[in-house]
């Protein structure tokens, strides 16, 4: 029996998909000190606990209200 393990860190691309913001926006936030990140070799990893939903707002939706 295996227990699923939640990732503790996400790559910039994974964090981008998770939050709905671009990789470049995440890079800017890291550079400004608004988002903690760790370097592992050549990769930049972002702790999952740093990715608060209220920090990023809602991703843009295409189309419009169907009502």
Protein backbone atom coordinates (compact mmCIF):
# COMPACT_ATOMS: atom_id res chain seq x y z
CA UNK A 1 0.00 0.00 0.00
CA UNK A 2 1.46 3.35 -0.99
CA UNK A 3 0.62 6.70 0.48
CA UNK A 4 0.41 9.61 -1.98
CA UNK A 5 2.99 12.27 -1.24
CA UNK A 6 2.17 15.92 -1.78
CA UNK A 7 4.98 17.85 -3.46
CA UNK A 8 6.69 20.30 -1.15
CA UNK A 9 8.23 22.36 -3.96
CA UNK A 10 7.07 23.25 -7.46
CA UNK A 11 9.10 24.31 -10.46
CA UNK A 12 8.37 27.74 -11.92
CA UNK A 13 6.32 26.12 -14.70
CA UNK A 14 4.33 24.01 -12.22
CA UNK A 15 3.76 27.03 -9.95
CA UNK A 16 2.62 29.02 -12.98
CA UNK A 17 0.02 26.38 -13.86
CA UNK A 18 -1.04 26.09 -10.21
CA UNK A 19 -1.53 29.84 -9.69
CA UNK A 20 -2.65 30.92 -13.15
CA UNK A 21 0.06 33.59 -13.50
CA UNK A 22 2.93 33.57 -15.98
CA UNK A 23 6.40 32.25 -15.24
CA UNK A 24 7.73 35.77 -15.81
CA UNK A 25 5.37 37.16 -13.15
CA UNK A 26 6.64 34.54 -10.70
CA UNK A 27 10.24 35.48 -11.58
CA UNK A 28 9.48 39.15 -10.90
CA UNK A 29 7.90 38.29 -7.56
CA UNK A 30 10.95 36.21 -6.60
CA UNK A 31 13.31 39.05 -7.61
CA UNK A 32 11.31 41.59 -5.55
CA UNK A 33 11.36 39.28 -2.53
CA UNK A 34 7.58 38.78 -2.57
CA UNK A 35 7.88 35.05 -3.16
CA UNK A 36 10.43 32.74 -1.53
CA UNK A 37 12.28 30.30 -3.77
CA UNK A 38 15.20 27.91 -3.50
CA UNK A 39 17.80 27.00 -6.05
CA UNK A 40 18.51 23.32 -6.62
CA UNK A 41 21.26 23.04 -9.19
CA UNK A 42 20.01 25.05 -12.15
CA UNK A 43 16.35 24.79 -11.12
CA UNK A 44 14.40 27.34 -9.12
CA UNK A 45 11.91 25.67 -6.77
CA UNK A 46 9.05 27.42 -5.03
CA UNK A 47 7.68 26.03 -1.74
CA UNK A 48 4.00 25.11 -2.10
CA UNK A 49 3.16 26.89 1.16
CA UNK A 50 4.33 30.17 -0.44
CA UNK A 51 1.61 29.95 -3.10
CA UNK A 52 -1.37 31.52 -1.31
CA UNK A 53 -4.44 31.78 -3.58
CA UNK A 54 -5.27 35.32 -2.35
CA UNK A 55 -1.81 36.48 -3.43
CA UNK A 56 -2.49 35.94 -7.14
CA UNK A 57 -6.13 36.80 -7.81
CA UNK A 58 -8.24 34.89 -10.31
CA UNK A 59 -6.87 33.89 -13.71
CA UNK A 60 -8.50 35.72 -16.62
CA UNK A 61 -11.48 33.94 -18.12
CA UNK A 62 -12.22 34.01 -21.82
CA UNK A 63 -15.62 34.49 -23.29
CA UNK A 64 -18.30 36.01 -21.16
CA UNK A 65 -21.25 35.23 -19.04
CA UNK A 66 -23.51 32.71 -20.71
CA UNK A 67 -26.51 33.79 -18.62
